[in-house]
C-alpha atoms as a PDB file:
ATOM      1  CA  PRO A   1      14.043 -11.561  13.518  1.00  0.00           C
ATOM      2  CA  THR A   2      12.904 -15.124  14.792  1.00  0.00           C
ATOM      3  CA  ALA A   3      10.228 -15.862  12.324  1.00  0.00           C
ATOM      4  CA  GLN A   4      11.030 -18.161   9.820  1.00  0.00           C
ATOM      5  CA  GLU A   5      10.627 -16.140   6.915  1.00  0.00           C
ATOM      6  CA  ASN A   6      12.349 -13.207   8.425  1.00  0.00           C
ATOM      7  CA  ARG A   7      15.537 -15.351   9.122  1.00  0.00           C
ATOM      8  CA  PHE A   8      15.326 -16.436   5.433  1.00  0.00           C
ATOM      9  CA  ILE A   9      15.150 -12.989   4.165  1.00  0.00           C
ATOM     10  CA  LEU A  10      17.688 -11.610   6.515  1.00  0.00           C
ATOM     11  CA  GLY A  11      20.011 -14.528   5.479  1.00  0.00           C
ATOM     12  CA  PHE A  12      19.253 -13.509   1.744  1.00  0.00           C
ATOM     13  CA  LEU A  13      19.761  -9.898   2.118  1.00  0.00           C
ATOM     14  CA  GLY A  14      23.258 -10.328   3.851  1.00  0.00           C
ATOM     15  CA  PRO A  15      24.783  -7.718   6.228  1.00  0.00           C
ATOM     16  CA  LEU A  16      22.699  -4.669   6.566  1.00  0.00           C
ATOM     17  CA  ALA A  17      24.959  -2.070   7.994  1.00  0.00           C
ATOM     18  CA  GLY A  18      25.642   0.660   5.294  1.00  0.00           C
ATOM     19  CA  LYS A  19      22.916  -0.335   2.887  1.00  0.00           C
ATOM     20  CA  ARG A  20      20.434   1.771   1.454  1.00  0.00           C
ATOM     21  CA  ILE A  21      16.840   0.060   2.079  1.00  0.00           C
ATOM     22  CA  LEU A  22      13.661   0.919   0.601  1.00  0.00           C
ATOM     23  CA  ASP A  23      10.724  -0.504   2.825  1.00  0.00           C
ATOM     24  CA  LEU A  24       7.556  -0.429   0.691  1.00  0.00           C
ATOM     25  CA  GLY A  25       4.339  -0.560   2.458  1.00  0.00           C
ATOM     26  CA  ALA A  26       6.111  -0.115   5.688  1.00  0.00           C
ATOM     27  CA  GLY A  27       3.180   0.858   7.945  1.00  0.00           C
ATOM     28  CA  ALA A  28       4.012   1.404  11.557  1.00  0.00           C
ATOM     29  CA  GLY A  29       7.643   0.521  10.518  1.00  0.00           C
ATOM     30  CA  GLU A  30       8.688  -2.576  12.450  1.00  0.00           C
ATOM     31  CA  ALA A  31      10.913  -3.794   9.754  1.00  0.00           C
ATOM     32  CA  SER A  32      12.542  -0.422   9.039  1.00  0.00           C
ATOM     33  CA  LEU A  33      13.162   0.173  12.694  1.00  0.00           C
ATOM     34  CA  TYR A  34      14.976  -3.248  12.550  1.00  0.00           C
ATOM     35  CA  PHE A  35      16.844  -2.375   9.458  1.00  0.00           C
ATOM     36  CA  ALA A  36      17.795   1.027  11.061  1.00  0.00           C
ATOM     37  CA  SER A  37      18.939  -0.662  14.296  1.00  0.00           C
ATOM     38  CA  ARG A  38      21.254  -2.843  12.125  1.00  0.00           C
ATOM     39  CA  GLY A  39      23.027   0.251  10.708  1.00  0.00           C
ATOM     40  CA  ALA A  40      21.223   0.578   7.502  1.00  0.00           C
ATOM     41  CA  ARG A  41      19.900   3.826   5.803  1.00  0.00           C
ATOM     42  CA  VAL A  42      16.181   3.352   5.493  1.00  0.00           C
ATOM     43  CA  THR A  43      13.527   4.960   3.308  1.00  0.00           C
ATOM     44  CA  ALA A  44       9.862   3.788   4.402  1.00  0.00           C
ATOM     45  CA  LEU A  45       6.992   4.338   2.177  1.00  0.00           C
ATOM     46  CA  ASP A  46       3.440   3.976   2.905  1.00  0.00           C
ATOM     47  CA  ILE A  47       0.051   5.385   1.669  1.00  0.00           C
ATOM     48  CA  SER A  48      -0.729   6.172   5.251  1.00  0.00           C
ATOM     49  CA  PRO A  49       0.528   9.242   6.876  1.00  0.00           C
ATOM     50  CA  ALA A  50      -0.712   8.139  10.330  1.00  0.00           C
ATOM     51  CA  GLN A  51       1.241   4.910  10.262  1.00  0.00           C
ATOM     52  CA  LEU A  52       4.316   6.797   9.118  1.00  0.00           C
ATOM     53  CA  GLU A  53       3.586   9.068  12.076  1.00  0.00           C
ATOM     54  CA  VAL A  54       3.646   5.991  14.381  1.00  0.00           C
ATOM     55  CA  LEU A  55       6.940   4.918  12.647  1.00  0.00           C
ATOM     56  CA  SER A  56       8.534   8.394  12.906  1.00  0.00           C
ATOM     57  CA  ARG A  57       7.693   8.564  16.568  1.00  0.00           C
ATOM     58  CA  ALA A  58       9.302   5.112  17.246  1.00  0.00           C
ATOM     59  CA  ALA A  59      12.164   5.807  15.458  1.00  0.00           C
ATOM     60  CA  SER A  60      12.906   9.019  17.075  1.00  0.00           C
ATOM     61  CA  ALA A  61      12.250   7.502  20.507  1.00  0.00           C
ATOM     62  CA  ARG A  62      14.996   4.874  19.720  1.00  0.00           C
ATOM     63  CA  GLY A  63      17.401   7.311  18.264  1.00  0.00           C
ATOM     64  CA  LEU A  64      17.204   5.878  14.919  1.00  0.00           C
ATOM     65  CA  ALA A  65      17.112   7.875  11.521  1.00  0.00           C
ATOM     66  CA  VAL A  66      14.336   6.435   9.264  1.00  0.00           C
ATOM     67  CA  GLU A  67      12.830   8.537   6.406  1.00  0.00           C
ATOM     68  CA  ALA A  68       9.312   8.312   6.159  1.00  0.00           C
ATOM     69  CA  LEU A  69       7.313   9.119   2.988  1.00  0.00           C
ATOM     70  CA  ALA A  70       3.631   8.966   2.306  1.00  0.00           C
ATOM     71  CA  ILE A  71       3.849   8.146  -1.442  1.00  0.00           C
ATOM     72  CA  PRO A  72       2.287   5.374  -3.274  1.00  0.00           C
ATOM     73  CA  ALA A  73       4.759   2.324  -4.634  1.00  0.00           C
ATOM     74  CA  GLU A  74       3.725   2.746  -8.148  1.00  0.00           C
ATOM     75  CA  GLU A  75       5.447   6.114  -8.839  1.00  0.00           C
ATOM     76  CA  LEU A  76       8.956   6.120  -6.643  1.00  0.00           C
ATOM     77  CA  PRO A  77      10.184   9.497  -6.795  1.00  0.00           C
ATOM     78  CA  PHE A  78      14.021   8.452  -6.447  1.00  0.00           C
ATOM     79  CA  PRO A  79      16.809   8.287  -9.180  1.00  0.00           C
ATOM     80  CA  ASP A  80      17.843   5.111 -10.782  1.00  0.00           C
ATOM     81  CA  GLN A  81      19.953   2.815  -8.846  1.00  0.00           C
ATOM     82  CA  THR A  82      19.651   4.430  -5.386  1.00  0.00           C
ATOM     83  CA  PHE A  83      18.977   1.480  -3.288  1.00  0.00           C
ATOM     84  CA  ASP A  84      20.824  -1.815  -2.160  1.00  0.00           C
ATOM     85  CA  ILE A  85      17.811  -3.495  -1.071  1.00  0.00           C
ATOM     86  CA  ALA A  86      13.842  -3.096  -1.580  1.00  0.00           C
ATOM     87  CA  TYR A  87      11.656  -4.998   0.952  1.00  0.00           C
ATOM     88  CA  GLY A  88       7.964  -5.408   1.564  1.00  0.00           C
ATOM     89  CA  ASN A  89       5.744  -7.336   3.981  1.00  0.00           C
ATOM     90  CA  SER A  90       2.332  -7.807   2.448  1.00  0.00           C
ATOM     91  CA  VAL A  91       2.257  -5.107   0.027  1.00  0.00           C
ATOM     92  CA  LEU A  92       2.368  -6.487  -3.509  1.00  0.00           C
ATOM     93  CA  HIS A  93      -0.825  -8.030  -3.124  1.00  0.00           C
ATOM     94  CA  HIS A  94      -2.444  -4.367  -2.630  1.00  0.00           C
ATOM     95  CA  VAL A  95      -0.547  -2.687  -5.387  1.00  0.00           C
ATOM     96  CA  ASP A  96      -0.356  -3.039  -9.250  1.00  0.00           C
ATOM     97  CA  CYS A  97       2.697  -5.345  -9.654  1.00  0.00           C
ATOM     98  CA  GLN A  98       2.950  -4.557 -13.354  1.00  0.00           C
ATOM     99  CA  ARG A  99       3.899  -0.891 -12.358  1.00  0.00           C
ATOM    100  CA  VAL A 100       5.529  -1.477  -9.001  1.00  0.00           C
ATOM    101  CA  ILE A 101       7.922  -4.151 -10.007  1.00  0.00           C
ATOM    102  CA  PRO A 102       9.830  -2.122 -12.697  1.00  0.00           C
ATOM    103  CA  GLU A 103       9.944   0.774 -10.576  1.00  0.00           C
ATOM    104  CA  VAL A 104      11.575  -1.415  -7.692  1.00  0.00           C
ATOM    105  CA  ARG A 105      14.131  -2.616 -10.328  1.00  0.00           C
ATOM    106  CA  ARG A 106      14.789   0.691 -11.602  1.00  0.00           C
ATOM    107  CA  VAL A 107      15.553   2.023  -8.220  1.00  0.00           C
ATOM    108  CA  LEU A 108      17.750  -1.083  -7.188  1.00  0.00           C
ATOM    109  CA  LYS A 109      21.602  -0.672  -7.786  1.00  0.00           C
ATOM    110  CA  PRO A 110      23.046  -3.234 -10.023  1.00  0.00           C
ATOM    111  CA  GLY A 111      23.596  -6.465  -7.721  1.00  0.00           C
ATOM    112  CA  GLY A 112      20.815  -4.870  -5.474  1.00  0.00           C
ATOM    113  CA  ARG A 113      18.312  -7.405  -3.775  1.00  0.00           C
ATOM    114  CA  ALA A 114      14.207  -7.284  -3.315  1.00  0.00           C
ATOM    115  CA  ALA A 115      12.685  -9.448  -0.871  1.00  0.00           C
ATOM    116  CA  PHE A 116       8.910  -9.644  -0.384  1.00  0.00           C
ATOM    117  CA  ILE A 117       6.603 -11.595   2.066  1.00  0.00           C
ATOM    118  CA  GLU A 118       3.285 -12.057   0.371  1.00  0.00           C
ATOM    119  CA  PRO A 119       0.148 -14.255   1.130  1.00  0.00           C
ATOM    120  CA  LEU A 120      -0.205 -16.984  -1.754  1.00  0.00           C
ATOM    121  CA  ALA A 121      -3.647 -17.740  -3.590  1.00  0.00           C
ATOM    122  CA  TYR A 122      -3.058 -21.414  -3.080  1.00  0.00           C
ATOM    123  CA  ASN A 123      -2.849 -21.534   0.723  1.00  0.00           C
ATOM    124  CA  PRO A 124      -6.105 -23.152   1.833  1.00  0.00           C
ATOM    125  CA  LEU A 125      -5.962 -21.423   5.178  1.00  0.00           C
ATOM    126  CA  VAL A 126      -5.623 -18.167   3.429  1.00  0.00           C
ATOM    127  CA  ARG A 127      -8.476 -18.783   1.354  1.00  0.00           C
ATOM    128  CA  VAL A 128     -10.795 -19.373   4.385  1.00  0.00           C
ATOM    129  CA  TYR A 129      -9.470 -16.749   6.480  1.00  0.00           C
ATOM    130  CA  ARG A 130     -10.083 -14.197   3.207  1.00  0.00           C
ATOM    131  CA  ARG A 131     -13.729 -15.579   3.238  1.00  0.00           C
ATOM    132  CA  MET A 132     -14.279 -15.002   6.894  1.00  0.00           C
ATOM    133  CA  GLY A 133     -12.733 -11.497   6.788  1.00  0.00           C
ATOM    134  CA  ALA A 134     -14.098 -10.385   3.475  1.00  0.00           C
ATOM    135  CA  ASP A 135     -15.379  -6.851   5.003  1.00  0.00           C
ATOM    136  CA  ILE A 136     -11.757  -6.008   6.118  1.00  0.00           C
ATOM    137  CA  HIS A 137      -9.937  -6.348   2.964  1.00  0.00           C
ATOM    138  CA  THR A 138      -9.629  -3.674   0.385  1.00  0.00           C
ATOM    139  CA  PRO A 139     -11.069  -3.823  -3.185  1.00  0.00           C
ATOM    140  CA  ASP A 140      -7.673  -4.080  -4.666  1.00  0.00           C
ATOM    141  CA  GLU A 141      -6.292  -6.802  -2.739  1.00  0.00           C
ATOM    142  CA  ARG A 142      -5.459 -10.109  -4.195  1.00  0.00           C
ATOM    143  CA  PRO A 143      -3.110 -12.967  -3.009  1.00  0.00           C
ATOM    144  CA  LEU A 144      -0.270 -13.741  -5.188  1.00  0.00           C
ATOM    145  CA  ARG A 145      -0.375 -16.512  -8.022  1.00  0.00           C
ATOM    146  CA  MET A 146       2.502 -18.566  -8.902  1.00  0.00           C
ATOM    147  CA  ARG A 147       2.291 -16.649 -12.422  1.00  0.00           C
ATOM    148  CA  ASP A 148       2.807 -13.335 -10.524  1.00  0.00           C
ATOM    149  CA  ILE A 149       5.985 -14.739  -8.892  1.00  0.00           C
ATOM    150  CA  ARG A 150       7.478 -15.814 -12.003  1.00  0.00           C
ATOM    151  CA  TRP A 151       6.961 -12.692 -13.720  1.00  0.00           C
ATOM    152  CA  ILE A 152       8.426 -10.708 -10.407  1.00  0.00           C
ATOM    153  CA  MET A 153      11.262 -13.099 -10.612  1.00  0.00           C
ATOM    154  CA  SER A 154      12.024 -12.643 -14.337  1.00  0.00           C
ATOM    155  CA  GLN A 155      11.914  -8.828 -13.637  1.00  0.00           C
ATOM    156  CA  ILE A 156      14.244  -8.530 -10.534  1.00  0.00           C
ATOM    157  CA  ARG A 157      17.482 -10.818 -11.361  1.00  0.00           C
ATOM    158  CA  ASN A 158      18.530 -11.034  -7.539  1.00  0.00           C
ATOM    159  CA  SER A 159      15.391 -12.880  -6.269  1.00  0.00           C
ATOM    160  CA  GLU A 160      14.514 -15.982  -4.836  1.00  0.00           C
ATOM    161  CA  HIS A 161      10.954 -17.769  -4.041  1.00  0.00           C
ATOM    162  CA  ARG A 162      10.352 -19.759  -0.848  1.00  0.00           C
ATOM    163  CA  GLU A 163       6.925 -20.764   0.716  1.00  0.00           C
ATOM    164  CA  PHE A 164       6.378 -20.725   4.606  1.00  0.00           C
ATOM    165  CA  TRP A 165       3.445 -21.197   6.915  1.00  0.00           C
ATOM    166  CA  ILE A 166       0.647 -23.358   5.453  1.00  0.00           C
ATOM    167  CA  SER A 167      -0.498 -23.535   8.894  1.00  0.00           C
ATOM    168  CA  ALA A 168       0.160 -19.854   9.957  1.00  0.00           C
ATOM    169  CA  LEU A 169      -3.209 -19.031  10.443  1.00  0.00           C
ATOM    170  CA  VAL A 170      -3.869 -22.067  12.933  1.00  0.00           C
ATOM    171  CA  LEU A 171      -1.248 -20.854  15.421  1.00  0.00           C
END
């Protein structure tokens, strides 16, 4: 919660206690665990069962309840208007946003909020990093462009855009 982008998102999301949160691309679940520790009811999704096992063990060790499901974000198996919050950190640039965002919008309750942290194509350091680490990126991966952000924001009413960390990869 001390990183700039996390503080911004936590302020945007407001109080978490009692909220139903969908954590897309949860990985090992750092955000899921934080949300659950603040009283949220968390459903964590990831395509990696191994990562979700790490999350489940960590949640159990901390006495936290997190539902962990190995399913793709493009086909959310939840009824309409299930979640107060949808959250993702570095997930949208791995998925088909044209399929995921309508699903996120569908499962958000009226007045629900969505918050995503994503790399942007315009960050010169991200470009260098991607060239240097080309062998570790997945073929479907692509940083978001402003047109992607504008489209996402047109689809989800309670959304906001802010940029951070032009020099993050140097630190």
